[in-house]
Amino acid sequence: VRLVPLAMPAVTVLYFARAREATGGLVEETFDVVDTDELRVALVKQHPGLETVLRSAVLAVNQEYCVETTALRERDEVAVIPPISGG
């Protein structure tokens, strides 16, 4: 029996506000990850400045906020949304 490794889903990550600033102005990029926890690790590895932003940011997968670890599928869209202040 030969095992064939499963491909990791390619997901698009969108950056807003402070998250965009922490990436040097990137609007979006693609990562190969299986869930949102793995994505957070990959984001910090790629952009160390995101570490502090991610502590208070929420992720939205396909325009739905997620508060727990969420499995990701091919072509999912994940938005990194920092807290928004205003008055």
N, C-alpha and C. Protein backbone atom coordinates (compact mmCIF):
# COMPACT_ATOMS: atom_id res chain seq x y z
N VAL A 1 0.86 -1.17 0.00
CA VAL A 1 0.00 0.00 0.00
C VAL A 1 0.90 1.23 0.00
N ARG A 2 0.64 2.09 -0.91
CA ARG A 2 1.42 3.32 -1.02
C ARG A 2 0.56 4.49 -0.55
N LEU A 3 1.08 5.25 0.41
CA LEU A 3 0.35 6.41 0.91
C LEU A 3 0.73 7.63 0.10
N VAL A 4 -0.25 8.38 -0.30
CA VAL A 4 -0.03 9.61 -1.05
C VAL A 4 -0.32 10.77 -0.11
N PRO A 5 0.66 11.67 0.09
CA PRO A 5 0.41 12.80 0.98
C PRO A 5 -0.70 13.70 0.44
N LEU A 6 -1.53 14.16 1.32
CA LEU A 6 -2.59 15.07 0.93
C LEU A 6 -2.02 16.47 0.77
N ALA A 7 -2.47 17.17 -0.23
CA ALA A 7 -2.02 18.54 -0.45
C ALA A 7 -2.66 19.46 0.59
N MET A 8 -1.90 20.42 1.04
CA MET A 8 -2.44 21.41 1.97
C MET A 8 -3.26 22.40 1.17
N PRO A 9 -4.37 22.83 1.72
CA PRO A 9 -5.19 23.80 0.99
C PRO A 9 -4.47 25.15 0.89
N ALA A 10 -4.58 25.77 -0.26
CA ALA A 10 -4.05 27.12 -0.45
C ALA A 10 -5.16 28.10 -0.12
N VAL A 11 -4.91 28.96 0.86
CA VAL A 11 -5.91 29.95 1.26
C VAL A 11 -5.36 31.35 1.03
N THR A 12 -6.25 32.26 0.73
CA THR A 12 -5.87 33.65 0.53
C THR A 12 -6.10 34.41 1.82
N VAL A 13 -5.10 35.18 2.23
CA VAL A 13 -5.20 35.97 3.46
C VAL A 13 -5.27 37.45 3.08
N LEU A 14 -6.27 38.14 3.62
CA LEU A 14 -6.45 39.57 3.38
C LEU A 14 -6.08 40.32 4.66
N TYR A 15 -5.36 41.43 4.50
CA TYR A 15 -4.90 42.22 5.65
C TYR A 15 -5.60 43.57 5.67
N PHE A 16 -6.00 43.99 6.88
CA PHE A 16 -6.66 45.28 7.05
C PHE A 16 -5.99 46.07 8.16
N ALA A 17 -6.02 47.40 8.04
CA ALA A 17 -5.56 48.34 9.07
C ALA A 17 -4.16 48.00 9.57
N ARG A 18 -4.00 47.82 10.89
CA ARG A 18 -2.67 47.56 11.47
C ARG A 18 -2.05 46.28 10.94
N ALA A 19 -2.85 45.31 10.57
CA ALA A 19 -2.31 44.07 10.00
C ALA A 19 -1.63 44.37 8.67
N ARG A 20 -2.24 45.20 7.86
CA ARG A 20 -1.63 45.59 6.58
C ARG A 20 -0.32 46.33 6.82
N GLU A 21 -0.31 47.22 7.79
CA GLU A 21 0.91 47.96 8.11
C GLU A 21 2.02 47.01 8.55
N ALA A 22 1.68 46.00 9.35
CA ALA A 22 2.68 45.06 9.87
C ALA A 22 3.28 44.18 8.78
N THR A 23 2.59 44.06 7.64
CA THR A 23 3.11 43.26 6.53
C THR A 23 3.85 44.11 5.52
N GLY A 24 4.03 45.39 5.82
CA GLY A 24 4.71 46.27 4.89
C GLY A 24 3.80 46.77 3.78
N GLY A 25 2.51 46.72 4.01
CA GLY A 25 1.56 47.25 3.05
C GLY A 25 0.90 46.21 2.15
N LEU A 26 1.15 44.93 2.42
CA LEU A 26 0.50 43.90 1.61
C LEU A 26 -1.01 43.94 1.79
N VAL A 27 -1.72 43.70 0.72
CA VAL A 27 -3.17 43.62 0.78
C VAL A 27 -3.60 42.17 0.95
N GLU A 28 -2.91 41.25 0.23
CA GLU A 28 -3.25 39.83 0.34
C GLU A 28 -2.06 38.98 -0.07
N GLU A 29 -2.06 37.73 0.40
CA GLU A 29 -1.09 36.73 -0.01
C GLU A 29 -1.66 35.35 0.26
N THR A 30 -0.99 34.32 -0.25
CA THR A 30 -1.49 32.96 -0.15
C THR A 30 -0.62 32.13 0.78
N PHE A 31 -1.26 31.28 1.59
CA PHE A 31 -0.57 30.36 2.49
C PHE A 31 -1.14 28.97 2.30
N ASP A 32 -0.29 27.96 2.49
CA ASP A 32 -0.72 26.56 2.46
C ASP A 32 -0.78 26.06 3.89
N VAL A 33 -1.95 26.04 4.48
CA VAL A 33 -2.15 25.64 5.87
C VAL A 33 -3.46 24.86 6.00
N VAL A 34 -3.59 24.10 7.09
CA VAL A 34 -4.80 23.27 7.26
C VAL A 34 -5.85 23.89 8.16
N ASP A 35 -5.44 24.80 9.07
CA ASP A 35 -6.43 25.41 9.96
C ASP A 35 -5.95 26.80 10.40
N THR A 36 -6.80 27.50 11.13
CA THR A 36 -6.49 28.87 11.52
C THR A 36 -5.35 28.95 12.54
N ASP A 37 -5.18 27.93 13.38
CA ASP A 37 -4.05 27.94 14.31
C ASP A 37 -2.73 27.86 13.54
N GLU A 38 -2.68 26.97 12.56
CA GLU A 38 -1.48 26.84 11.75
C GLU A 38 -1.24 28.13 10.95
N LEU A 39 -2.31 28.75 10.51
CA LEU A 39 -2.18 30.00 9.78
C LEU A 39 -1.57 31.08 10.65
N ARG A 40 -2.02 31.21 11.90
CA ARG A 40 -1.46 32.22 12.79
C ARG A 40 0.06 32.03 12.95
N VAL A 41 0.50 30.79 13.09
CA VAL A 41 1.93 30.50 13.21
C VAL A 41 2.66 30.91 11.93
N ALA A 42 2.09 30.56 10.78
CA ALA A 42 2.71 30.90 9.49
C ALA A 42 2.76 32.41 9.28
N LEU A 43 1.73 33.12 9.70
CA LEU A 43 1.71 34.57 9.55
C LEU A 43 2.83 35.23 10.33
N VAL A 44 3.03 34.80 11.57
CA VAL A 44 4.08 35.38 12.40
C VAL A 44 5.46 35.02 11.87
N LYS A 45 5.60 33.80 11.36
CA LYS A 45 6.88 33.40 10.78
C LYS A 45 7.21 34.27 9.56
N GLN A 46 6.22 34.53 8.73
CA GLN A 46 6.42 35.34 7.52
C GLN A 46 6.55 36.82 7.84
N HIS A 47 5.79 37.29 8.84
CA HIS A 47 5.74 38.72 9.19
C HIS A 47 5.81 38.85 10.72
N PRO A 48 7.00 38.86 11.31
CA PRO A 48 7.11 38.92 12.77
C PRO A 48 6.34 40.09 13.40
N GLY A 49 6.18 41.18 12.68
CA GLY A 49 5.44 42.32 13.20
C GLY A 49 3.97 42.05 13.43
N LEU A 50 3.46 40.97 12.87
CA LEU A 50 2.05 40.62 13.07
C LEU A 50 1.78 39.99 14.43
N GLU A 51 2.82 39.56 15.12
CA GLU A 51 2.60 38.85 16.39
C GLU A 51 1.76 39.67 17.36
N THR A 52 2.10 40.94 17.56
CA THR A 52 1.32 41.75 18.50
C THR A 52 -0.07 42.06 17.95
N VAL A 53 -0.18 42.25 16.65
CA VAL A 53 -1.48 42.52 16.04
C VAL A 53 -2.42 41.32 16.22
N LEU A 54 -1.89 40.10 16.02
CA LEU A 54 -2.72 38.90 16.10
C LEU A 54 -3.22 38.60 17.51
N ARG A 55 -2.58 39.15 18.52
CA ARG A 55 -3.04 38.93 19.90
C ARG A 55 -4.45 39.47 20.11
N SER A 56 -4.79 40.55 19.40
CA SER A 56 -6.12 41.14 19.59
C SER A 56 -6.98 41.11 18.32
N ALA A 57 -6.42 40.62 17.22
CA ALA A 57 -7.17 40.56 15.97
C ALA A 57 -8.11 39.36 15.95
N VAL A 58 -9.13 39.46 15.14
CA VAL A 58 -9.99 38.31 14.88
C VAL A 58 -9.77 37.88 13.43
N LEU A 59 -10.04 36.62 13.17
CA LEU A 59 -9.97 36.10 11.82
C LEU A 59 -11.39 35.86 11.33
N ALA A 60 -11.60 36.13 10.07
CA ALA A 60 -12.88 35.81 9.44
C ALA A 60 -12.58 34.89 8.26
N VAL A 61 -13.23 33.74 8.24
CA VAL A 61 -13.07 32.78 7.15
C VAL A 61 -14.30 32.87 6.26
N ASN A 62 -14.06 33.25 5.02
CA ASN A 62 -15.16 33.42 4.06
C ASN A 62 -16.25 34.34 4.62
N GLN A 63 -15.81 35.45 5.20
CA GLN A 63 -16.66 36.51 5.74
C GLN A 63 -17.46 36.10 6.97
N GLU A 64 -17.01 35.04 7.67
CA GLU A 64 -17.65 34.62 8.93
C GLU A 64 -16.58 34.64 10.02
N TYR A 65 -16.84 35.41 11.08
CA TYR A 65 -15.87 35.45 12.18
C TYR A 65 -15.70 34.06 12.77
N CYS A 66 -14.47 33.74 13.14
CA CYS A 66 -14.22 32.46 13.82
C CYS A 66 -13.49 32.74 15.12
N VAL A 67 -13.94 32.13 16.19
CA VAL A 67 -13.34 32.32 17.50
C VAL A 67 -12.58 31.09 17.96
N GLU A 68 -12.79 29.98 17.31
CA GLU A 68 -12.09 28.74 17.63
C GLU A 68 -11.25 28.32 16.44
N THR A 69 -10.45 27.28 16.63
CA THR A 69 -9.69 26.74 15.51
C THR A 69 -10.67 26.29 14.42
N THR A 70 -10.42 26.74 13.21
CA THR A 70 -11.30 26.43 12.09
C THR A 70 -10.50 25.74 10.99
N ALA A 71 -11.01 24.62 10.50
CA ALA A 71 -10.37 23.93 9.38
C ALA A 71 -10.52 24.79 8.13
N LEU A 72 -9.47 24.77 7.30
CA LEU A 72 -9.49 25.56 6.08
C LEU A 72 -9.51 24.65 4.87
N ARG A 73 -10.18 25.12 3.82
CA ARG A 73 -10.28 24.36 2.58
C ARG A 73 -9.65 25.17 1.45
N GLU A 74 -9.36 24.48 0.37
CA GLU A 74 -8.80 25.11 -0.82
C GLU A 74 -9.65 26.33 -1.22
N ARG A 75 -8.98 27.42 -1.49
CA ARG A 75 -9.59 28.68 -1.94
C ARG A 75 -10.36 29.44 -0.87
N ASP A 76 -10.26 29.02 0.40
CA ASP A 76 -10.89 29.83 1.45
C ASP A 76 -10.22 31.20 1.48
N GLU A 77 -10.96 32.18 1.97
CA GLU A 77 -10.45 33.54 2.13
C GLU A 77 -10.48 33.85 3.61
N VAL A 78 -9.32 34.23 4.15
CA VAL A 78 -9.21 34.54 5.57
C VAL A 78 -8.81 36.00 5.71
N ALA A 79 -9.60 36.77 6.44
CA ALA A 79 -9.30 38.17 6.69
C ALA A 79 -8.73 38.31 8.10
N VAL A 80 -7.65 39.09 8.22
CA VAL A 80 -7.08 39.42 9.52
C VAL A 80 -7.61 40.81 9.88
N ILE A 81 -8.45 40.86 10.92
CA ILE A 81 -9.14 42.10 11.26
C ILE A 81 -8.74 42.56 12.66
N PRO A 82 -7.87 43.57 12.74
CA PRO A 82 -7.49 44.12 14.04
C PRO A 82 -8.66 44.88 14.66
N PRO A 83 -8.59 45.12 15.97
CA PRO A 83 -9.64 45.93 16.59
C PRO A 83 -9.68 47.32 15.95
N ILE A 84 -10.86 47.87 15.86
CA ILE A 84 -11.03 49.18 15.26
C ILE A 84 -11.44 50.14 16.35
N SER A 85 -10.68 51.22 16.46
CA SER A 85 -11.03 52.23 17.46
C SER A 85 -11.62 53.42 16.73
N GLY A 86 -12.37 54.16 17.44
CA GLY A 86 -12.98 55.34 16.84
C GLY A 86 -13.90 56.01 17.82
N GLY A 87 -14.44 57.07 17.42
CA GLY A 87 -15.33 57.77 18.32
C GLY A 87 -16.38 58.52 17.61
